[in-house]
Amino acid sequence: MYLKMKDLKHKSRFLSLVLRHKPETIGLSMDANGWVNVDELIEKCNQNNFPLDFSLLEEIVETNDKNRFSFSEDLLKIRANQGHSVEIDLALAPKEAPALLYHGTVEKFLESINQQGLKKMERQHVHLSKDLQTAQKVGSRRGKPVILKINAQQMQADGYVFYQSDNGVWLCEEVPAKYIEFS
């Protein structure tokens, strides 16, 4: 069981690479909204020594702890829900965010965040969490987590726009430092 979970995690990471950042790694074509043809993905993965079939792909989508991927309703296409560094349009409608959102980070980034706010860097959006536990989990990937509180209510009142990805991650273009509470 442990080996199977480890293999699924490895395959999920590879899919994150090709569906969020580098589809060219396996010669994959992505449409303007980040969708790729499932059959093409499976074929290209197998051609590149990365064994994959539809049932395994389905298992990865269903068991991914961050719900990173979604199938189209007809199951013919797949995409990452957010986190792209390649230019795509997720076609998300603006949405009213909760009054408070959270961002998990680590101490070494605090000085920069305090000066510049949260920037999307090489991604398309800043990622925010609706709860402390998720932010804690995100922050702990790089060490001891520091949780920042984001005054989303005031940001929205000031004209900032929020989106929510299919897996519940809140997205925005930036978070200026004046909206961040450093704990």
Protein backbone atom coordinates (compact mmCIF):
# COMPACT_ATOMS: atom_id res chain seq x y z
CA MET A 1 0.00 0.00 0.00
CA TYR A 2 2.81 2.43 0.92
CA LEU A 3 4.56 1.86 -2.42
CA LYS A 4 1.34 2.46 -4.33
CA MET A 5 0.74 5.76 -2.49
CA LYS A 6 4.34 6.79 -3.14
CA ASP A 7 3.93 5.93 -6.84
CA LEU A 8 0.67 7.93 -7.05
CA LYS A 9 2.36 10.93 -5.44
CA HIS A 10 5.27 10.69 -7.88
CA LYS A 11 2.90 10.50 -10.84
CA SER A 12 0.84 13.40 -9.47
CA ARG A 13 3.97 15.54 -9.25
CA PHE A 14 4.86 14.72 -12.82
CA LEU A 15 1.35 15.60 -13.96
CA SER A 16 1.65 18.90 -12.07
CA LEU A 17 4.81 19.63 -13.99
CA VAL A 18 3.27 19.01 -17.42
CA LEU A 19 -0.22 20.39 -16.70
CA ARG A 20 0.89 23.51 -14.81
CA HIS A 21 4.35 24.45 -15.94
CA LYS A 22 6.01 22.56 -18.80
CA PRO A 23 3.67 20.73 -21.19
CA GLU A 24 6.50 20.83 -23.74
CA THR A 25 8.43 18.36 -21.55
CA ILE A 26 6.47 15.58 -23.23
CA GLY A 27 5.34 17.49 -26.36
CA LEU A 28 1.84 18.09 -25.02
CA SER A 29 -0.63 20.55 -26.55
CA MET A 30 -2.66 22.68 -24.13
CA ASP A 31 -5.62 24.85 -25.13
CA ALA A 32 -6.13 28.47 -24.03
CA ASN A 33 -7.94 27.33 -20.88
CA GLY A 34 -5.31 24.81 -19.82
CA TRP A 35 -7.20 21.71 -20.99
CA VAL A 36 -5.37 18.83 -22.63
CA ASN A 37 -6.78 15.83 -24.42
CA VAL A 38 -6.71 12.82 -22.06
CA ASP A 39 -5.77 10.36 -24.80
CA GLU A 40 -2.92 12.63 -25.94
CA LEU A 41 -1.69 13.00 -22.34
CA ILE A 42 -1.68 9.23 -21.84
CA GLU A 43 0.03 8.64 -25.19
CA LYS A 44 2.72 11.30 -24.60
CA CYS A 45 3.38 10.08 -21.05
CA ASN A 46 3.86 6.51 -22.28
CA GLN A 47 6.12 7.66 -25.14
CA ASN A 48 8.26 9.44 -22.55
CA ASN A 49 8.75 6.42 -20.27
CA PHE A 50 6.07 7.52 -17.84
CA PRO A 51 3.56 4.64 -17.80
CA LEU A 52 -0.05 5.88 -17.58
CA ASP A 53 -3.49 4.62 -18.50
CA PHE A 54 -6.96 6.08 -17.96
CA SER A 55 -7.74 4.14 -14.77
CA LEU A 56 -4.47 5.27 -13.17
CA LEU A 57 -5.09 8.86 -14.28
CA GLU A 58 -8.58 8.70 -12.79
CA GLU A 59 -7.15 7.38 -9.51
CA ILE A 60 -4.61 10.22 -9.39
CA VAL A 61 -7.34 12.81 -9.92
CA GLU A 62 -9.60 11.23 -7.28
CA THR A 63 -6.95 10.68 -4.61
CA ASN A 64 -4.82 13.82 -4.97
CA ASP A 65 -4.88 15.41 -1.52
CA LYS A 66 -4.96 18.92 -2.99
CA ASN A 67 -7.48 18.18 -5.73
CA ARG A 68 -5.05 19.62 -8.24
CA PHE A 69 -6.70 18.23 -11.35
CA SER A 70 -10.14 18.14 -12.96
CA PHE A 71 -11.65 16.24 -15.83
CA SER A 72 -14.06 17.85 -18.24
CA GLU A 73 -17.63 16.60 -17.82
CA ASP A 74 -17.21 14.17 -20.73
CA LEU A 75 -13.86 12.92 -19.30
CA LEU A 76 -12.12 13.66 -22.61
CA LYS A 77 -9.97 16.50 -21.23
CA ILE A 78 -8.04 17.20 -18.06
CA ARG A 79 -6.36 20.27 -16.55
CA ALA A 80 -4.73 21.53 -13.40
CA ASN A 81 -7.12 23.61 -11.29
CA GLN A 82 -4.63 26.41 -10.59
CA GLY A 83 -0.94 27.11 -10.07
CA HIS A 84 0.05 27.51 -13.70
CA SER A 85 3.20 29.28 -14.72
CA VAL A 86 2.23 28.96 -18.39
CA GLU A 87 -0.18 31.61 -19.64
CA ILE A 88 -3.74 30.24 -19.66
CA ASP A 89 -7.22 31.51 -18.88
CA LEU A 90 -8.98 29.37 -16.29
CA ALA A 91 -12.20 31.21 -17.22
CA LEU A 92 -13.05 31.79 -13.58
CA ALA A 93 -15.69 34.36 -12.68
CA PRO A 94 -14.93 36.90 -9.97
CA LYS A 95 -16.29 35.77 -6.62
CA GLU A 96 -16.85 37.39 -3.26
CA ALA A 97 -14.24 36.02 -0.90
CA PRO A 98 -14.69 35.48 2.83
CA ALA A 99 -13.73 38.44 5.04
CA LEU A 100 -10.45 36.75 5.99
CA LEU A 101 -8.18 34.53 3.96
CA TYR A 102 -4.84 32.99 4.91
CA HIS A 103 -1.46 32.46 3.32
CA GLY A 104 1.11 29.95 4.56
CA THR A 105 4.76 30.87 4.16
CA VAL A 106 8.04 30.62 6.08
CA GLU A 107 10.00 33.20 8.04
CA LYS A 108 12.70 33.82 5.42
CA PHE A 109 10.11 35.44 3.10
CA LEU A 110 8.54 37.75 5.70
CA GLU A 111 10.80 40.75 5.13
CA SER A 112 10.11 40.75 1.41
CA ILE A 113 6.37 40.24 1.94
CA ASN A 114 6.33 43.06 4.49
CA GLN A 115 7.90 45.39 1.91
CA GLN A 116 6.22 44.23 -1.31
CA GLY A 117 3.16 42.26 -0.24
CA LEU A 118 2.36 38.90 -1.78
CA LYS A 119 3.30 38.66 -5.45
CA LYS A 120 2.29 35.95 -7.88
CA MET A 121 5.93 35.52 -8.93
CA GLU A 122 6.07 33.11 -11.89
CA ARG A 123 2.51 31.91 -11.38
CA GLN A 124 -0.66 33.53 -12.66
CA HIS A 125 -2.13 34.29 -9.23
CA VAL A 126 -1.37 34.56 -5.54
CA HIS A 127 -2.83 31.51 -3.77
CA LEU A 128 -4.81 31.97 -0.58
CA SER A 129 -6.56 29.53 1.75
CA LYS A 130 -9.97 29.80 3.36
CA ASP A 131 -8.81 28.19 6.61
CA LEU A 132 -5.81 28.09 8.93
CA GLN A 133 -5.24 24.35 8.56
CA THR A 134 -4.78 24.52 4.81
CA ALA A 135 -2.47 27.54 5.09
CA GLN A 136 -0.48 25.68 7.77
CA LYS A 137 -0.10 22.69 5.47
CA VAL A 138 1.01 24.89 2.56
CA GLY A 139 3.52 26.79 4.71
CA SER A 140 4.97 23.64 6.23
CA ARG A 141 6.21 22.41 2.82
CA ARG A 142 9.22 24.72 3.16
CA GLY A 143 9.85 24.54 6.90
CA LYS A 144 8.20 25.94 10.01
CA PRO A 145 5.03 27.64 8.76
CA VAL A 146 4.11 31.27 9.37
CA ILE A 147 0.47 32.08 8.72
CA LEU A 148 -0.50 35.47 7.34
CA LYS A 149 -4.05 36.80 7.69
CA ILE A 150 -5.37 38.59 4.62
CA ASN A 151 -8.09 41.23 4.97
CA ALA A 152 -9.95 40.11 1.86
CA GLN A 153 -13.03 42.10 2.80
CA GLN A 154 -11.10 45.39 2.69
CA MET A 155 -9.27 44.36 -0.47
CA GLN A 156 -12.60 43.76 -2.20
CA ALA A 157 -13.97 47.07 -0.93
CA ASP A 158 -10.88 48.70 -2.46
CA GLY A 159 -11.51 47.07 -5.84
CA TYR A 160 -9.35 43.95 -5.78
CA VAL A 161 -10.86 40.94 -7.52
CA PHE A 162 -10.86 37.38 -6.18
CA TYR A 163 -11.47 34.08 -7.93
CA GLN A 164 -11.92 30.59 -6.57
CA SER A 165 -10.48 27.61 -8.40
CA ASP A 166 -12.39 24.35 -8.78
CA ASN A 167 -10.55 22.90 -5.80
CA GLY A 168 -11.35 25.79 -3.46
CA VAL A 169 -8.10 27.78 -3.61
CA TRP A 170 -8.67 31.54 -3.56
CA LEU A 171 -6.78 33.47 -6.22
CA CYS A 172 -5.94 37.14 -6.77
CA GLU A 173 -3.39 39.17 -8.72
CA GLU A 174 -1.52 40.45 -5.64
CA VAL A 175 -1.92 41.22 -1.96
CA PRO A 176 -0.39 44.57 -0.97
CA ALA A 177 1.28 44.52 2.46
CA LYS A 178 -1.32 46.89 3.97
CA TYR A 179 -3.91 44.07 3.79
CA ILE A 180 -1.68 41.53 5.56
CA GLU A 181 -1.63 40.88 9.29
CA PHE A 182 1.75 39.51 10.29
CA SER A 183 1.32 37.31 13.38
